[in-house]
Amino acid sequence: MPPPPPRSAIRRKLLRWYRKTKRDLPWRRTGDAYAIWVSETMLQQTQVSTVIPYFENFLTAFPTVDALARAPLAKVLRLWSGLGYYRRAENLRSAARQIMRAHGGRVPSDFDRLRELPGVGDYTAGAIASIAFGRRYPAIDGNARRVLSRLLGIMEERSLRAAAADLVPRSRPGDFNQAIMELGATVCTPKHQRCADCAVNSLCASRASPHAATLRRSRAPAKPTSVVWPLAIVRRDGKILLRRRSAGGLLAGLWELPGGEITARASAAKLLRQELAGLDLPLIRHQKLGEIRHAITHRRIRSPIYVFDLARKIQMELPKSCWRWIAPARLHRLAASSMTAKALALLSTYEKTAD
């Protein structure tokens, strides 16, 4: 194995490259620790292009830690709707409340204090500490892990973390960490690394190693699972029926159309009847509207959409507070699942065509 490249050369080349080529992103225009924390949380398992409008809208609604701590959870989830991994939003709000109680409303600069916040792991704590406060900590996300393993020729996690910590410079540690992540996102990508465009290609261990192919990915992604998830659009007097998911589990706390994942040999019709059981709805007809496709974590979802109509002007009360009638045009006021929004968009297209 060739000797490890000099740390000073790696730092110098990466920082020069980052200064010249970094993408202009809204969270890179601020030194506010709160904004940086929000951006790093949103960027977990989510593409930059998707995050940008959510980040800007979120900070407009909640410009400070105090504003987020005081916000109703339903409003936080509504602004997060469509971004996925909703536990992140709940953890942000919980952490904001903890910051108000324990840190006087200021995001802590110490790595260990950051790690005590809900939803903040080693990567996020390292990113906040280095980018917002200039602390010398590594920030190892998937992109950084891939770049460092290729660059240094290290695959074992503990050794990689130790080497990464040693590599972070005392000066501009935040820029250096972002340079590593930027390189992984734009040049040293999982499948199609562009070595000719890499600022540190002459220093990269994987280019000189006959086993370079083994250094390109630290672990295989989870295999996608195909899922059938029928949804019911129940209509009455221009409104549709929604229910709110429980606080724990997948899509916690979001409003959605009745439905669910089909298991074993259950049919879509049987599942939807079970979902609507207990409501005593006077259904007068139903029809299959079409299908939508969606993805949640490792699930690849095929969702057949069924429309159920109720007798008009009938008087009835829903048995639980987790059920609600709402006009489709007001859906944006609720923290609703993306599947529900897609299904109602399909309904809107169908109704316009029918007219």
Protein backbone atom coordinates (compact mmCIF):
# COMPACT_ATOMS: atom_id res chain seq x y z
CA MET A 1 0.00 0.00 0.00
CA PRO A 2 1.38 3.44 -0.90
CA PRO A 3 2.15 5.86 1.96
CA PRO A 4 -0.74 8.12 2.99
CA PRO A 5 -0.83 11.45 1.16
CA PRO A 6 0.31 14.50 3.16
CA ARG A 7 -2.55 16.10 5.08
CA SER A 8 -1.47 19.62 4.22
CA ALA A 9 -1.67 18.94 0.48
CA ILE A 10 -5.17 17.45 0.75
CA ARG A 11 -6.39 20.40 2.80
CA ARG A 12 -4.86 23.00 0.50
CA LYS A 13 -6.17 21.46 -2.71
CA LEU A 14 -9.68 20.83 -1.39
CA LEU A 15 -10.10 24.28 0.15
CA ARG A 16 -8.88 25.96 -3.05
CA TRP A 17 -11.25 23.85 -5.16
CA TYR A 18 -14.21 24.50 -2.83
CA ARG A 19 -13.62 28.25 -2.82
CA LYS A 20 -13.70 28.34 -6.64
CA THR A 21 -16.46 25.85 -7.44
CA LYS A 22 -18.87 25.53 -4.49
CA ARG A 23 -22.57 25.71 -5.27
CA ASP A 24 -24.42 28.84 -4.17
CA LEU A 25 -26.85 27.42 -1.61
CA PRO A 26 -28.98 29.49 0.80
CA TRP A 27 -27.55 27.91 3.97
CA ARG A 28 -24.04 28.77 2.80
CA ARG A 29 -24.88 32.47 2.85
CA THR A 30 -25.30 32.58 6.62
CA GLY A 31 -23.32 31.89 9.75
CA ASP A 32 -26.49 31.47 11.84
CA ALA A 33 -26.18 28.20 13.75
CA TYR A 34 -29.96 27.73 13.82
CA ALA A 35 -30.28 28.02 10.03
CA ILE A 36 -27.32 25.70 9.52
CA TRP A 37 -28.85 23.16 11.91
CA VAL A 38 -32.18 23.28 10.04
CA SER A 39 -30.45 22.81 6.69
CA GLU A 40 -28.33 19.89 7.88
CA THR A 41 -31.43 18.18 9.29
CA MET A 42 -33.37 18.65 6.06
CA LEU A 43 -30.45 17.41 3.95
CA GLN A 44 -30.38 14.04 5.68
CA GLN A 45 -31.34 11.50 2.98
CA THR A 46 -32.84 14.28 0.83
CA GLN A 47 -31.51 15.93 -2.33
CA VAL A 48 -30.33 19.54 -2.28
CA SER A 49 -32.74 20.65 -5.01
CA THR A 50 -35.67 19.31 -2.98
CA VAL A 51 -34.52 20.94 0.26
CA ILE A 52 -34.02 24.53 -0.97
CA PRO A 53 -37.70 25.68 -1.09
CA TYR A 54 -38.52 23.84 2.14
CA PHE A 55 -35.56 25.47 3.90
CA GLU A 56 -36.57 28.95 2.79
CA ASN A 57 -40.24 28.50 3.70
CA PHE A 58 -39.36 26.93 7.06
CA LEU A 59 -37.10 29.83 8.07
CA THR A 60 -39.69 32.35 6.95
CA ALA A 61 -42.26 30.71 9.23
CA PHE A 62 -39.82 29.96 12.08
CA PRO A 63 -36.91 32.43 11.86
CA THR A 64 -35.53 31.69 15.33
CA VAL A 65 -35.17 28.84 17.80
CA ASP A 66 -37.82 30.48 19.95
CA ALA A 67 -40.30 30.69 17.08
CA LEU A 68 -39.85 26.98 16.34
CA ALA A 69 -40.11 26.03 20.02
CA ARG A 70 -43.42 27.90 20.34
CA ALA A 71 -44.93 26.58 17.10
CA PRO A 72 -47.72 23.98 17.17
CA LEU A 73 -46.46 20.62 15.96
CA ALA A 74 -49.22 20.52 13.33
CA LYS A 75 -47.85 23.69 11.72
CA VAL A 76 -44.30 22.34 11.75
CA LEU A 77 -45.44 19.11 10.10
CA ARG A 78 -47.50 21.02 7.54
CA LEU A 79 -44.44 22.97 6.38
CA TRP A 80 -42.47 19.71 6.32
CA SER A 81 -45.16 17.89 4.32
CA GLY A 82 -43.65 16.29 1.22
CA LEU A 83 -40.08 16.35 2.51
CA GLY A 84 -40.40 12.93 4.11
CA TYR A 85 -38.83 11.36 7.20
CA TYR A 86 -41.18 13.35 9.42
CA ARG A 87 -39.44 12.31 12.62
CA ARG A 88 -36.83 14.92 11.68
CA ALA A 89 -39.41 17.70 12.01
CA GLU A 90 -40.61 16.42 15.38
CA ASN A 91 -37.04 16.19 16.63
CA LEU A 92 -36.27 19.72 15.44
CA ARG A 93 -39.16 21.13 17.45
CA SER A 94 -38.29 19.03 20.52
CA ALA A 95 -34.67 20.10 20.29
CA ALA A 96 -35.69 23.76 19.95
CA ARG A 97 -37.65 23.47 23.18
CA GLN A 98 -34.66 21.85 24.87
CA ILE A 99 -32.42 24.68 23.64
CA MET A 100 -34.81 27.23 25.10
CA ARG A 101 -34.86 25.45 28.45
CA ALA A 102 -31.23 24.45 28.82
CA HIS A 103 -29.24 26.84 26.63
CA GLY A 104 -31.02 30.18 26.84
CA GLY A 105 -32.29 29.93 23.27
CA ARG A 106 -28.81 29.65 21.73
CA VAL A 107 -27.73 26.61 19.72
CA PRO A 108 -24.83 25.12 21.72
CA SER A 109 -21.39 25.22 20.13
CA ASP A 110 -20.00 22.24 22.02
CA PHE A 111 -20.10 18.88 20.23
CA ASP A 112 -21.24 16.92 23.30
CA ARG A 113 -24.04 19.41 24.09
CA LEU A 114 -25.19 19.24 20.47
CA ARG A 115 -25.28 15.43 20.65
CA GLU A 116 -27.71 15.66 23.58
CA LEU A 117 -30.35 17.30 21.36
CA PRO A 118 -33.09 15.06 19.90
CA GLY A 119 -32.27 13.94 16.38
CA VAL A 120 -28.67 15.22 16.42
CA GLY A 121 -26.12 12.49 15.72
CA ASP A 122 -22.37 12.61 15.22
CA TYR A 123 -22.60 13.91 11.68
CA THR A 124 -25.04 16.76 12.40
CA ALA A 125 -23.20 17.77 15.57
CA GLY A 126 -19.90 17.83 13.68
CA ALA A 127 -21.40 19.84 10.84
CA ILE A 128 -22.94 22.47 13.14
CA ALA A 129 -19.85 22.73 15.35
CA SER A 130 -17.47 23.14 12.41
CA ILE A 131 -19.57 25.23 10.01
CA ALA A 132 -21.33 27.54 12.48
CA PHE A 133 -18.70 27.77 15.22
CA GLY A 134 -15.38 26.94 13.56
CA ARG A 135 -14.75 23.95 15.83
CA ARG A 136 -12.36 21.26 14.63
CA TYR A 137 -14.71 18.28 14.26
CA PRO A 138 -15.27 15.99 11.28
CA ALA A 139 -18.70 15.75 9.64
CA ILE A 140 -19.02 12.29 8.12
CA ASP A 141 -22.15 11.77 6.06
CA GLY A 142 -22.53 9.28 3.22
CA ASN A 143 -20.73 11.52 0.74
CA ALA A 144 -17.84 12.23 3.11
CA ARG A 145 -17.48 8.56 4.06
CA ARG A 146 -17.26 7.55 0.40
CA VAL A 147 -14.71 10.29 -0.48
CA LEU A 148 -12.53 9.63 2.54
CA SER A 149 -12.53 5.86 2.09
CA ARG A 150 -11.42 6.25 -1.53
CA LEU A 151 -8.98 9.07 -0.86
CA LEU A 152 -7.29 7.47 2.14
CA GLY A 153 -7.77 3.82 1.22
CA ILE A 154 -9.52 3.08 4.53
CA MET A 155 -12.64 0.93 4.81
CA GLU A 156 -12.86 0.17 8.55
CA GLU A 157 -15.23 2.64 10.26
CA ARG A 158 -13.24 3.39 13.40
CA SER A 159 -10.01 3.94 11.47
CA LEU A 160 -11.83 6.13 8.97
CA ARG A 161 -13.28 8.33 11.71
CA ALA A 162 -9.91 8.72 13.39
CA ALA A 163 -8.28 9.66 10.09
CA ALA A 164 -11.08 12.09 9.28
CA ALA A 165 -10.73 13.84 12.65
CA ASP A 166 -6.99 14.19 12.11
CA LEU A 167 -7.50 15.54 8.59
CA VAL A 168 -9.80 18.43 9.57
CA PRO A 169 -7.70 21.62 9.72
CA ARG A 170 -7.71 24.07 12.61
CA SER A 171 -8.39 26.89 10.18
CA ARG A 172 -11.67 26.82 8.19
CA PRO A 173 -12.83 23.40 9.44
CA GLY A 174 -16.39 24.10 8.26
CA ASP A 175 -15.28 24.90 4.71
CA PHE A 176 -13.11 21.78 4.68
CA ASN A 177 -15.98 19.52 5.78
CA GLN A 178 -18.25 21.08 3.19
CA ALA A 179 -15.55 20.63 0.54
CA ILE A 180 -15.41 16.90 1.29
CA MET A 181 -19.20 16.63 1.07
CA GLU A 182 -19.33 18.79 -2.08
CA LEU A 183 -16.76 16.58 -3.76
CA GLY A 184 -18.83 13.51 -2.92
CA ALA A 185 -22.03 15.10 -4.20
CA THR A 186 -20.68 16.46 -7.49
CA VAL A 187 -17.49 14.60 -8.51
CA CYS A 188 -16.73 11.52 -6.41
CA THR A 189 -20.24 10.12 -6.75
CA PRO A 190 -21.32 6.56 -5.88
CA LYS A 191 -21.39 5.13 -9.42
CA HIS A 192 -19.73 7.58 -11.79
CA GLN A 193 -16.78 9.27 -10.13
CA ARG A 194 -15.11 11.84 -12.39
CA CYS A 195 -11.50 11.37 -11.36
CA ALA A 196 -10.22 13.69 -14.09
CA ASP A 197 -12.15 16.58 -12.48
CA CYS A 198 -11.12 15.78 -8.90
CA ALA A 199 -9.00 18.32 -7.04
CA VAL A 200 -7.15 15.60 -5.14
CA ASN A 201 -6.95 12.90 -7.82
CA SER A 202 -3.14 12.83 -7.71
CA LEU A 203 -3.28 12.10 -3.97
CA CYS A 204 -6.09 9.51 -4.02
CA ALA A 205 -5.21 6.05 -2.73
CA SER A 206 -7.94 4.33 -4.72
CA ARG A 207 -6.45 5.48 -8.04
CA ALA A 208 -3.13 3.86 -7.21
CA SER A 209 -4.58 0.69 -5.69
CA PRO A 210 -5.36 -2.46 -7.72
CA HIS A 211 -8.36 -2.94 -5.42
CA ALA A 212 -9.87 0.47 -6.13
CA ALA A 213 -13.29 -1.01 -6.98
CA THR A 214 -13.70 -2.24 -3.40
CA LEU A 215 -13.27 1.30 -2.08
CA ARG A 216 -16.21 2.86 -3.89
CA ARG A 217 -19.02 2.06 -1.49
CA SER A 218 -18.92 1.32 2.21
CA ARG A 219 -22.23 -0.55 2.24
CA ALA A 220 -24.96 -1.59 -0.13
CA PRO A 221 -28.25 0.31 -0.02
CA ALA A 222 -31.35 -1.39 1.28
CA LYS A 223 -33.18 -3.33 -1.41
CA PRO A 224 -36.47 -1.63 -2.37
CA THR A 225 -39.68 -3.43 -1.42
CA SER A 226 -42.70 -3.33 -3.73
CA VAL A 227 -45.90 -2.43 -1.87
CA VAL A 228 -49.58 -2.15 -2.85
CA TRP A 229 -51.25 0.58 -0.79
CA PRO A 230 -54.86 1.37 -1.83
CA LEU A 231 -56.46 4.67 -0.80
CA ALA A 232 -60.12 5.66 -0.46
CA ILE A 233 -61.43 9.08 -1.42
CA VAL A 234 -64.74 9.38 0.39
CA ARG A 235 -66.75 12.39 -0.89
CA ARG A 236 -69.68 14.23 0.63
CA ASP A 237 -71.00 17.67 -0.34
CA GLY A 238 -67.73 18.77 -1.94
CA LYS A 239 -65.56 17.60 0.93
CA ILE A 240 -63.35 14.55 1.38
CA LEU A 241 -62.71 12.41 4.45
CA LEU A 242 -59.28 12.46 6.08
CA ARG A 243 -57.87 10.78 9.14
CA ARG A 244 -54.85 11.62 11.23
CA ARG A 245 -52.18 8.96 11.77
CA SER A 246 -51.10 8.11 15.29
CA ALA A 247 -48.10 9.84 16.88
CA GLY A 248 -45.78 6.85 16.48
CA GLY A 249 -44.58 4.98 13.43
CA LEU A 250 -44.57 5.72 9.71
CA LEU A 251 -45.90 9.19 8.69
CA ALA A 252 -46.65 9.94 12.33
CA GLY A 253 -49.21 12.70 12.94
CA LEU A 254 -50.00 13.38 9.28
CA TRP A 255 -53.45 13.67 7.77
CA GLU A 256 -54.16 11.15 5.02
CA LEU A 257 -56.80 9.39 3.01
CA PRO A 258 -58.03 6.12 4.53
CA GLY A 259 -56.04 3.16 3.27
CA GLY A 260 -52.95 1.15 4.00
CA GLU A 261 -50.44 -1.42 2.90
CA ILE A 262 -51.94 -4.73 1.75
CA THR A 263 -50.52 -7.73 3.57
CA ALA A 264 -50.87 -11.46 2.91
CA ARG A 265 -53.77 -12.18 0.54
CA ALA A 266 -56.07 -9.32 1.44
CA SER A 267 -57.72 -7.49 -1.44
CA ALA A 268 -57.86 -3.72 -1.86
CA ALA A 269 -61.65 -3.74 -1.38
CA LYS A 270 -61.39 -5.75 1.84
CA LEU A 271 -58.69 -3.50 3.26
CA LEU A 272 -60.63 -0.32 2.51
CA ARG A 273 -63.78 -1.76 4.07
CA GLN A 274 -61.77 -2.49 7.20
CA GLU A 275 -60.31 1.01 7.22
CA LEU A 276 -63.78 2.56 7.04
CA ALA A 277 -65.39 0.11 9.47
CA GLY A 278 -66.94 1.75 12.50
CA LEU A 279 -67.75 5.02 10.77
CA ASP A 280 -71.20 3.80 9.67
CA LEU A 281 -70.92 5.64 6.36
CA PRO A 282 -73.94 5.42 4.02
CA LEU A 283 -71.92 4.72 0.88
CA ILE A 284 -74.01 4.76 -2.27
CA ARG A 285 -71.40 3.83 -4.90
CA HIS A 286 -67.67 3.47 -5.54
CA GLN A 287 -65.33 3.25 -8.51
CA LYS A 288 -61.63 2.83 -9.18
CA LEU A 289 -60.19 6.17 -10.24
CA GLY A 290 -56.68 5.09 -11.26
CA GLU A 291 -53.28 4.57 -9.65
CA ILE A 292 -50.41 6.66 -8.35
CA ARG A 293 -46.79 5.72 -7.63
CA HIS A 294 -44.87 6.82 -4.57
CA ALA A 295 -41.80 5.98 -2.51
CA ILE A 296 -41.33 6.04 1.28
CA THR A 297 -37.88 5.07 2.60
CA HIS A 298 -37.22 1.69 0.95
CA ARG A 299 -40.85 1.12 -0.11
CA ARG A 300 -41.84 1.47 -3.76
CA ILE A 301 -45.59 1.98 -3.59
CA ARG A 302 -48.30 1.31 -6.16
CA SER A 303 -51.48 2.91 -4.89
CA PRO A 304 -54.85 2.19 -6.54
CA ILE A 305 -57.30 5.01 -5.79
CA TYR A 306 -60.99 4.32 -5.15
CA VAL A 307 -63.68 6.99 -4.96
CA PHE A 308 -66.66 6.46 -2.63
CA ASP A 309 -69.68 8.76 -2.74
CA LEU A 310 -72.08 9.31 0.16
CA ALA A 311 -75.70 10.30 0.06
CA ARG A 312 -75.89 14.10 -0.13
CA LYS A 313 -77.00 16.32 2.76
CA ILE A 314 -76.96 13.46 5.23
CA GLN A 315 -76.42 14.36 8.87
CA MET A 316 -73.68 12.38 10.60
CA GLU A 317 -70.90 12.81 13.14
CA LEU A 318 -67.51 11.19 12.94
CA PRO A 319 -66.82 8.97 15.96
CA LYS A 320 -63.26 10.16 16.65
CA SER A 321 -61.36 13.43 16.58
CA CYS A 322 -58.78 11.88 14.26
CA TRP A 323 -61.31 11.97 11.38
CA ARG A 324 -62.21 15.17 9.55
CA TRP A 325 -64.16 16.37 6.51
CA ILE A 326 -62.24 18.98 4.49
CA ALA A 327 -62.54 20.72 1.15
CA PRO A 328 -59.69 19.62 -1.15
CA ALA A 329 -58.74 23.27 -1.75
CA ARG A 330 -57.94 23.61 1.96
CA LEU A 331 -55.65 20.60 2.13
CA HIS A 332 -52.58 22.85 2.16
CA ARG A 333 -53.57 24.07 5.61
CA LEU A 334 -53.02 20.61 7.09
CA ALA A 335 -49.90 18.51 7.55
CA ALA A 336 -50.93 16.00 4.90
CA SER A 337 -49.02 13.08 3.43
CA SER A 338 -47.60 13.36 -0.09
CA MET A 339 -49.59 10.30 -1.15
CA THR A 340 -52.79 12.09 -0.22
CA ALA A 341 -51.80 15.17 -2.22
CA LYS A 342 -51.00 12.99 -5.26
CA ALA A 343 -54.30 11.12 -4.98
CA LEU A 344 -56.32 14.34 -4.77
CA ALA A 345 -54.41 15.74 -7.76
CA LEU A 346 -55.52 12.64 -9.67
CA LEU A 347 -59.11 13.26 -8.52
CA SER A 348 -58.92 16.87 -9.69
CA THR A 349 -57.69 15.82 -13.12
CA TYR A 350 -60.45 13.22 -13.35
CA GLU A 351 -63.17 15.72 -12.40
CA LYS A 352 -61.95 18.27 -14.95
CA THR A 353 -61.95 15.60 -17.65
CA ALA A 354 -65.42 14.42 -16.64
CA ASP A 355 -66.74 17.97 -16.89
